[in-house]
Amino acid sequence: MNKILHKTTVADATSLFVVDAPEIARKAQPGQFVILRVAEEGERFPLTIADFDRDAGTLTIVSLAIGVSTMLLDSLQEGDNITDLVGPLGTPTHLEKLGEVVCVGGGVGIAAIHPVARGFKQAGNRVTSIIGAKSRSKLLWEDRMAAVSDELIVTTDDGSVGRQGFVTQRLQELIDAGRRIDLVFSVGPTIMMKMVAGVTRPHGIKTIVSLNPVMMDGTGMCGGCRVEVGGEQKFACVDGPDFDAHQVDFDLLLSRLTAYKQEEAHAVECHCHRRQQGK
């Protein structure tokens, strides 16, 4: 078991957990993830590593309480233990000096892209980060992203903070301004990553996305995280989670992610009912 050392709310229904996990922290690299199980009867689910401290032996994860498992995680407090925490998993992000790197993060994906932006900055790149959310209340880590970026562009759908609009509009503006961009790296909602790929494809700008489809074992055995990349079946947990955005079949991925939408909604409804009943 891994003890929660610190917990704080960073946005609406979004919590940050600092967890005692020295072995994972010692080996963690940008782009990797962990798989959690909150309770003995709970399911396994992945969360991208948002930060790690090798000296302190701690791991930082950020979770949006949207399903039963993430709601159960959110119910835990400082001093509580996470039943299972496995990692680091996945292939680390390939970091090298390229020149100009644009990191695009949306929603809780901002936390996931943080160590990647920091890694590219440490590799000697000029890093421009574009982060966005629906509103100010859902935006997180402006300060942390500013600290690892040469330039930070903030956008919200409603204009409550930063510029009104979408991250893709800000990315398009950089391209239209003639900025030389050597790489775009994006993490966020699947539809957002699809749109980012659509912006960069006509300009031939190399674009990498981090995919977190349904995962269970994290070893490639269950096949739950399969994605089609360049016409081939890949497993996000072992072949990724980073993939060439221009090769990903986003339409197929989106359809798979909504396959159990009704069941998930029913599970949340039952979970909330049990909580109201005090069970």
Protein backbone atom coordinates (compact mmCIF):
# COMPACT_ATOMS: atom_id res chain seq x y z
CA MET A 1 0.00 0.00 0.00
CA ASN A 2 1.06 3.58 -0.64
CA LYS A 3 0.23 6.34 1.84
CA ILE A 4 -1.22 9.68 0.71
CA LEU A 5 1.06 12.32 2.22
CA HIS A 6 -0.68 15.39 0.85
CA LYS A 7 -3.98 16.13 -0.89
CA THR A 8 -5.28 19.39 -2.26
CA THR A 9 -7.99 20.57 -4.65
CA VAL A 10 -6.49 22.14 -7.77
CA ALA A 11 -9.66 22.69 -9.85
CA ASP A 12 -13.34 21.74 -9.87
CA ALA A 13 -13.65 18.06 -8.91
CA THR A 14 -9.90 17.72 -9.45
CA SER A 15 -7.50 16.70 -6.70
CA LEU A 16 -3.74 16.45 -6.41
CA PHE A 17 -2.24 13.62 -4.40
CA VAL A 18 1.37 13.36 -3.25
CA VAL A 19 1.96 9.69 -2.53
CA ASP A 20 4.77 7.87 -0.75
CA ALA A 21 6.18 5.70 -3.55
CA PRO A 22 10.00 5.67 -3.39
CA GLU A 23 10.56 2.81 -5.83
CA ILE A 24 8.30 4.34 -8.48
CA ALA A 25 9.71 7.84 -7.95
CA ARG A 26 13.26 6.50 -8.33
CA LYS A 27 12.55 5.17 -11.84
CA ALA A 28 9.80 7.51 -13.12
CA GLN A 29 10.35 9.41 -16.37
CA PRO A 30 8.25 12.07 -18.16
CA GLY A 31 5.37 10.55 -20.09
CA GLN A 32 4.97 7.44 -17.97
CA PHE A 33 1.92 6.45 -15.95
CA VAL A 34 0.80 4.35 -13.02
CA ILE A 35 -2.14 2.02 -12.59
CA LEU A 36 -4.13 2.30 -9.38
CA ARG A 37 -6.64 0.22 -7.50
CA VAL A 38 -8.31 2.17 -4.73
CA ALA A 39 -10.04 -0.70 -2.95
CA GLU A 40 -9.97 -4.48 -2.96
CA GLU A 41 -13.19 -4.61 -4.99
CA GLY A 42 -12.19 -1.70 -7.22
CA GLU A 43 -11.11 -1.68 -10.85
CA ARG A 44 -7.66 -0.85 -12.17
CA PHE A 45 -7.29 2.50 -13.91
CA PRO A 46 -4.37 4.58 -15.24
CA LEU A 47 -3.18 8.06 -14.29
CA THR A 48 -0.25 9.82 -15.92
CA ILE A 49 2.55 10.77 -13.54
CA ALA A 50 2.27 14.52 -13.00
CA ASP A 51 5.49 14.91 -11.02
CA PHE A 52 8.02 12.95 -9.01
CA ASP A 53 10.65 13.68 -6.38
CA ARG A 54 13.40 11.09 -6.29
CA ASP A 55 15.00 12.48 -3.11
CA ALA A 56 11.74 12.58 -1.16
CA GLY A 57 10.52 9.32 -2.70
CA THR A 58 7.18 10.82 -3.66
CA LEU A 59 4.90 10.67 -6.66
CA THR A 60 2.35 13.31 -7.68
CA ILE A 61 -0.85 12.35 -9.47
CA VAL A 62 -3.81 14.53 -10.42
CA SER A 63 -7.27 13.05 -10.84
CA LEU A 64 -10.62 14.34 -12.08
CA ALA A 65 -13.46 12.69 -10.14
CA ILE A 66 -15.66 11.71 -13.06
CA GLY A 67 -16.23 7.96 -12.69
CA VAL A 68 -16.71 5.56 -9.78
CA SER A 69 -13.01 4.72 -9.41
CA THR A 70 -11.83 8.33 -9.51
CA MET A 71 -14.63 9.26 -7.09
CA LEU A 72 -13.38 6.58 -4.71
CA LEU A 73 -9.86 7.94 -5.07
CA ASP A 74 -11.12 11.45 -4.37
CA SER A 75 -12.79 10.23 -1.17
CA LEU A 76 -9.39 9.30 0.27
CA GLN A 77 -7.67 11.76 2.59
CA GLU A 78 -4.16 12.43 3.81
CA GLY A 79 -2.93 9.45 5.79
CA ASP A 80 -5.09 6.99 3.85
CA ASN A 81 -3.52 4.27 1.72
CA ILE A 82 -4.03 3.46 -1.95
CA THR A 83 -4.53 -0.30 -2.11
CA ASP A 84 -2.42 -0.87 -5.25
CA LEU A 85 -0.12 1.47 -7.14
CA VAL A 86 1.91 -0.06 -9.98
CA GLY A 87 4.50 1.70 -12.10
CA PRO A 88 6.17 3.41 -13.69
CA LEU A 89 4.58 1.97 -16.82
CA GLY A 90 4.73 2.89 -20.48
CA THR A 91 7.57 4.07 -22.67
CA PRO A 92 9.05 7.39 -21.47
CA THR A 93 8.70 10.40 -23.74
CA HIS A 94 11.66 10.73 -26.11
CA LEU A 95 13.34 13.95 -25.06
CA GLU A 96 15.97 15.63 -27.23
CA LYS A 97 17.08 19.06 -28.33
CA LEU A 98 14.99 19.99 -31.36
CA GLY A 99 14.65 23.76 -31.17
CA GLU A 100 11.07 24.98 -30.69
CA VAL A 101 8.65 22.66 -28.88
CA VAL A 102 4.99 23.55 -28.31
CA CYS A 103 3.23 21.67 -25.51
CA VAL A 104 -0.56 21.72 -25.68
CA GLY A 105 -2.50 20.62 -22.59
CA GLY A 106 -6.22 20.58 -21.95
CA GLY A 107 -8.08 20.10 -18.67
CA VAL A 108 -6.46 17.55 -16.38
CA GLY A 109 -4.04 16.86 -19.25
CA ILE A 110 -2.20 20.00 -18.13
CA ALA A 111 -0.84 18.07 -15.16
CA ALA A 112 0.15 15.19 -17.43
CA ILE A 113 2.06 17.44 -19.82
CA HIS A 114 3.94 19.25 -17.05
CA PRO A 115 6.89 16.81 -16.69
CA VAL A 116 7.12 16.55 -20.48
CA ALA A 117 7.39 20.33 -20.91
CA ARG A 118 9.99 20.42 -18.13
CA GLY A 119 11.93 17.61 -19.79
CA PHE A 120 12.04 19.34 -23.17
CA LYS A 121 13.12 22.56 -21.47
CA GLN A 122 15.92 20.77 -19.62
CA ALA A 123 17.00 19.22 -22.94
CA GLY A 124 17.73 22.73 -24.25
CA ASN A 125 14.58 23.50 -26.23
CA ARG A 126 12.54 26.69 -26.32
CA VAL A 127 9.21 25.58 -24.89
CA THR A 128 5.93 27.32 -25.57
CA SER A 129 3.03 25.88 -23.60
CA ILE A 130 -0.62 26.36 -24.52
CA ILE A 131 -3.02 25.29 -21.79
CA GLY A 132 -6.79 25.47 -21.78
CA ALA A 133 -9.95 24.53 -19.93
CA LYS A 134 -13.67 25.26 -20.08
CA SER A 135 -13.42 27.99 -17.44
CA ARG A 136 -11.19 29.46 -14.73
CA SER A 137 -12.56 27.00 -12.17
CA LYS A 138 -11.36 24.06 -14.27
CA LEU A 139 -7.93 25.43 -15.11
CA LEU A 140 -4.95 24.19 -13.14
CA TRP A 141 -1.21 24.60 -12.74
CA GLU A 142 -0.72 27.94 -14.49
CA ASP A 143 2.18 28.67 -12.16
CA ARG A 144 3.84 25.29 -12.64
CA MET A 145 3.53 25.44 -16.41
CA ALA A 146 4.91 28.98 -16.49
CA ALA A 147 7.93 27.80 -14.50
CA VAL A 148 8.86 25.16 -17.12
CA SER A 149 8.02 27.23 -20.22
CA ASP A 150 9.65 30.10 -22.07
CA GLU A 151 6.16 31.28 -23.04
CA LEU A 152 2.78 30.36 -21.57
CA ILE A 153 -0.47 30.92 -23.43
CA VAL A 154 -3.69 30.44 -21.43
CA THR A 155 -7.11 30.01 -22.98
CA THR A 156 -10.59 29.20 -21.69
CA ASP A 157 -13.78 28.40 -23.56
CA ASP A 158 -15.69 31.18 -21.79
CA GLY A 159 -12.87 33.71 -21.57
CA SER A 160 -12.93 33.78 -17.76
CA VAL A 161 -9.13 33.69 -17.75
CA GLY A 162 -6.63 34.13 -20.55
CA ARG A 163 -7.97 34.43 -24.07
CA GLN A 164 -11.38 33.11 -25.02
CA GLY A 165 -11.38 30.17 -27.37
CA PHE A 166 -9.68 26.84 -27.80
CA VAL A 167 -6.05 25.73 -27.57
CA THR A 168 -6.17 24.81 -31.26
CA GLN A 169 -6.91 28.43 -32.17
CA ARG A 170 -3.85 29.62 -30.29
CA LEU A 171 -1.73 26.93 -31.95
CA GLN A 172 -3.02 27.97 -35.38
CA GLU A 173 -2.09 31.57 -34.61
CA LEU A 174 1.50 30.57 -33.86
CA ILE A 175 1.70 28.72 -37.15
CA ASP A 176 0.10 31.58 -39.09
CA ALA A 177 2.60 33.99 -37.55
CA GLY A 178 5.40 32.03 -39.18
CA ARG A 179 6.83 30.54 -36.00
CA ARG A 180 9.19 27.67 -36.70
CA ILE A 181 7.85 24.76 -34.68
CA ASP A 182 9.89 21.58 -34.57
CA LEU A 183 7.51 19.52 -32.45
CA VAL A 184 4.03 19.73 -30.97
CA PHE A 185 3.26 17.52 -27.96
CA SER A 186 -0.35 17.29 -26.80
CA VAL A 187 -2.17 15.75 -23.84
CA GLY A 188 -5.84 16.21 -23.03
CA PRO A 189 -9.32 15.10 -24.08
CA THR A 190 -9.19 12.77 -27.09
CA ILE A 191 -11.23 15.14 -29.25
CA MET A 192 -8.80 17.95 -28.44
CA MET A 193 -5.80 15.86 -29.47
CA LYS A 194 -7.59 14.95 -32.70
CA MET A 195 -8.12 18.64 -33.44
CA VAL A 196 -4.48 19.47 -32.64
CA ALA A 197 -3.41 16.83 -35.15
CA GLY A 198 -5.75 18.41 -37.69
CA VAL A 199 -4.08 21.80 -37.22
CA THR A 200 -0.51 20.56 -37.62
CA ARG A 201 -1.01 17.96 -40.36
CA PRO A 202 -1.28 20.42 -43.31
CA HIS A 203 1.99 22.03 -42.24
CA GLY A 204 3.93 18.80 -41.76
CA ILE A 205 4.72 19.62 -38.13
CA LYS A 206 5.68 16.52 -36.18
CA THR A 207 3.01 15.98 -33.52
CA ILE A 208 3.00 13.52 -30.63
CA VAL A 209 -0.02 12.72 -28.45
CA SER A 210 -0.19 10.80 -25.19
CA LEU A 211 -3.09 8.34 -25.23
CA ASN A 212 -4.77 6.95 -22.14
CA PRO A 213 -7.53 4.67 -23.42
CA VAL A 214 -9.02 1.94 -21.25
CA MET A 215 -6.22 0.10 -19.43
CA MET A 216 -6.35 -2.77 -16.99
CA ASP A 217 -3.14 -4.73 -16.51
CA GLY A 218 -0.65 -2.28 -18.05
CA THR A 219 1.37 -5.11 -19.59
CA GLY A 220 -0.33 -5.50 -22.99
CA MET A 221 -1.97 -8.81 -22.05
CA CYS A 222 -5.62 -7.75 -21.79
CA GLY A 223 -5.80 -5.76 -25.04
CA GLY A 224 -8.11 -3.17 -23.53
CA CYS A 225 -5.88 -0.27 -24.53
CA ARG A 226 -5.48 -1.17 -28.19
CA VAL A 227 -5.30 1.72 -30.63
CA GLU A 228 -4.83 1.80 -34.39
CA VAL A 229 -1.73 3.67 -35.44
CA GLY A 230 -0.67 3.76 -39.07
CA GLY A 231 -3.09 0.93 -39.83
CA GLU A 232 -1.54 -1.32 -37.19
CA GLN A 233 -2.88 -2.39 -33.81
CA LYS A 234 -0.84 -0.98 -30.95
CA PHE A 235 -1.20 -1.24 -27.18
CA ALA A 236 -0.99 2.13 -25.44
CA CYS A 237 0.35 0.62 -22.22
CA VAL A 238 3.47 -0.95 -23.76
CA ASP A 239 3.86 0.61 -27.23
CA GLY A 240 2.93 4.06 -25.93
CA PRO A 241 1.39 6.05 -24.44
CA ASP A 242 3.10 8.44 -26.92
CA PHE A 243 2.17 8.08 -30.58
CA ASP A 244 2.48 9.99 -33.85
CA ALA A 245 -0.75 12.00 -33.85
CA HIS A 246 -0.98 11.97 -37.64
CA GLN A 247 -1.06 8.16 -37.64
CA VAL A 248 -3.67 7.64 -34.91
CA ASP A 249 -7.19 6.60 -35.93
CA PHE A 250 -8.94 9.03 -33.59
CA ASP A 251 -12.43 8.20 -34.83
CA LEU A 252 -12.00 4.55 -33.91
CA LEU A 253 -10.49 5.52 -30.55
CA LEU A 254 -13.37 7.88 -29.77
CA SER A 255 -15.91 5.19 -30.58
CA ARG A 256 -14.14 2.71 -28.29
CA LEU A 257 -14.01 5.20 -25.42
CA THR A 258 -17.78 5.66 -25.57
CA ALA A 259 -18.60 1.95 -25.87
CA TYR A 260 -19.52 1.64 -22.18
CA LYS A 261 -20.91 5.12 -21.67
CA GLN A 262 -24.31 3.93 -20.49
CA GLU A 263 -22.82 1.36 -18.13
CA GLU A 264 -20.44 3.95 -16.69
CA ALA A 265 -23.29 6.42 -16.14
CA HIS A 266 -25.32 3.71 -14.39
CA ALA A 267 -22.35 2.81 -12.17
CA VAL A 268 -21.92 6.44 -11.14
CA GLU A 269 -25.64 6.73 -10.39
CA CYS A 270 -25.56 3.61 -8.21
CA HIS A 271 -22.41 4.79 -6.44
CA CYS A 272 -23.92 8.20 -5.64
CA HIS A 273 -27.11 6.53 -4.41
CA ARG A 274 -25.16 4.26 -2.06
CA ARG A 275 -23.26 7.26 -0.69
CA GLN A 276 -26.53 9.09 -0.03
CA GLN A 277 -27.78 6.01 1.80
CA GLY A 278 -24.61 5.97 3.86
CA LYS A 279 -23.50 2.59 2.59
